[in-house]
């Protein structure tokens, strides 16, 4: 079992995540480089960044949204993204279908 003082195993506290996201926002490091350097998934770092920016935007509103409204907004955005990805997949599947040469006649 790893020693609790082992520096190679560090918890990703909110404070550490904020520091990492701020370095990305400042342009000091890319999302991909941050993920590689810290052994994280790019999607995980992108999620932190999106949540950070959404929270910051909400904090600067004249009437901040409550947690439930933020969750609903996030669900709406993710559902829209899923729809876009499904559409992209459908287009790619259609493009990969073989061209139906046999069904064409010579007088077309």
Protein backbone atom coordinates (compact mmCIF):
# COMPACT_ATOMS: atom_id res chain seq x y z
CA UNK A 1 0.00 0.00 0.00
CA UNK A 2 1.35 3.45 -0.86
CA UNK A 3 2.44 5.74 1.93
CA UNK A 4 0.07 8.68 2.47
CA UNK A 5 3.03 11.07 2.16
CA UNK A 6 4.00 9.67 -1.27
CA UNK A 7 4.30 12.69 -3.60
CA UNK A 8 3.55 10.62 -6.71
CA UNK A 9 -0.02 10.04 -5.52
CA UNK A 10 -1.85 13.32 -5.13
CA UNK A 11 -5.55 13.93 -4.82
CA UNK A 12 -7.11 16.22 -7.38
CA UNK A 13 -8.66 18.62 -4.91
CA UNK A 14 -10.78 21.50 -6.15
CA UNK A 15 -7.84 23.83 -5.51
CA UNK A 16 -5.49 21.74 -7.70
CA UNK A 17 -8.10 21.45 -10.45
CA UNK A 18 -8.61 25.24 -10.43
CA UNK A 19 -4.85 25.80 -10.69
CA UNK A 20 -4.63 23.42 -13.65
CA UNK A 21 -7.64 24.95 -15.41
CA UNK A 22 -6.30 28.47 -14.88
CA UNK A 23 -2.98 27.48 -16.46
CA UNK A 24 -4.95 26.20 -19.47
CA UNK A 25 -7.12 29.34 -19.67
CA UNK A 26 -3.99 31.53 -19.46
CA UNK A 27 -2.50 29.60 -22.37
CA UNK A 28 0.43 28.30 -20.33
CA UNK A 29 -0.40 24.70 -21.23
CA UNK A 30 -2.81 22.92 -23.59
CA UNK A 31 -5.51 20.56 -22.40
CA UNK A 32 -3.76 17.64 -24.10
CA UNK A 33 -0.40 18.48 -22.53
CA UNK A 34 -1.95 18.94 -19.08
CA UNK A 35 -3.68 15.56 -19.35
CA UNK A 36 -0.51 13.82 -20.54
CA UNK A 37 1.70 15.44 -17.91
CA UNK A 38 -0.62 14.51 -15.03
CA UNK A 39 -1.83 11.12 -16.27
CA UNK A 40 -5.39 12.32 -16.79
CA UNK A 41 -7.87 11.83 -19.60
CA UNK A 42 -8.30 14.75 -22.00
CA UNK A 43 -12.08 14.46 -21.56
CA UNK A 44 -11.65 14.72 -17.79
CA UNK A 45 -9.60 17.92 -18.04
CA UNK A 46 -12.04 19.36 -20.59
CA UNK A 47 -14.88 18.58 -18.17
CA UNK A 48 -13.09 20.46 -15.37
CA UNK A 49 -12.50 23.41 -17.66
CA UNK A 50 -16.12 23.51 -18.82
CA UNK A 51 -17.44 23.28 -15.26
CA UNK A 52 -15.03 26.00 -14.12
CA UNK A 53 -16.07 28.37 -16.90
CA UNK A 54 -19.77 27.65 -16.38
CA UNK A 55 -19.40 28.30 -12.65
CA UNK A 56 -17.53 31.54 -13.29
CA UNK A 57 -20.15 32.72 -15.75
CA UNK A 58 -22.88 31.93 -13.27
CA UNK A 59 -21.05 33.75 -10.47
CA UNK A 60 -20.94 36.92 -12.58
CA UNK A 61 -24.65 36.91 -13.41
CA UNK A 62 -26.80 39.56 -11.79
CA UNK A 63 -29.12 36.70 -10.80
CA UNK A 64 -27.02 33.53 -10.42
CA UNK A 65 -28.74 30.28 -11.28
CA UNK A 66 -29.21 27.68 -8.58
CA UNK A 67 -27.53 24.27 -8.74
CA UNK A 68 -30.58 22.61 -10.31
CA UNK A 69 -30.74 25.17 -13.12
CA UNK A 70 -27.02 24.69 -13.78
CA UNK A 71 -27.51 20.92 -13.96
CA UNK A 72 -30.43 21.35 -16.36
CA UNK A 73 -28.34 23.64 -18.58
CA UNK A 74 -25.48 21.13 -18.56
CA UNK A 75 -27.83 18.25 -19.44
CA UNK A 76 -29.25 20.31 -22.32
CA UNK A 77 -25.76 21.04 -23.68
CA UNK A 78 -24.66 17.41 -23.38
CA UNK A 79 -27.86 16.16 -25.02
CA UNK A 80 -27.29 18.57 -27.90
CA UNK A 81 -23.70 17.34 -28.24
CA UNK A 82 -24.87 13.72 -28.30
CA UNK A 83 -27.34 14.59 -31.05
CA UNK A 84 -24.55 16.21 -33.09
CA UNK A 85 -22.32 13.17 -32.63
CA UNK A 86 -25.11 10.78 -33.64
CA UNK A 87 -25.74 12.87 -36.77
CA UNK A 88 -22.02 12.84 -37.59
CA UNK A 89 -21.94 9.06 -37.14
CA UNK A 90 -24.97 8.61 -39.39
CA UNK A 91 -23.39 10.76 -42.11
CA UNK A 92 -20.15 8.79 -41.90
CA UNK A 93 -21.98 5.45 -42.03
CA UNK A 94 -23.86 6.62 -45.11
CA UNK A 95 -20.64 7.81 -46.76
CA UNK A 96 -18.99 4.45 -46.15
CA UNK A 97 -21.75 2.46 -47.85
CA UNK A 98 -20.65 1.02 -51.19
CA UNK A 99 -21.80 2.96 -54.23
CA UNK A 100 -24.70 1.03 -55.84
CA UNK A 101 -23.31 0.74 -59.40
CA UNK A 102 -25.28 -2.41 -60.12
CA UNK A 103 -28.64 -0.71 -59.62
CA UNK A 104 -28.02 2.00 -62.24
CA UNK A 105 -29.16 1.49 -65.82
CA UNK A 106 -27.34 2.67 -68.90
CA UNK A 107 -30.07 5.18 -69.91
CA UNK A 108 -29.75 7.27 -66.75
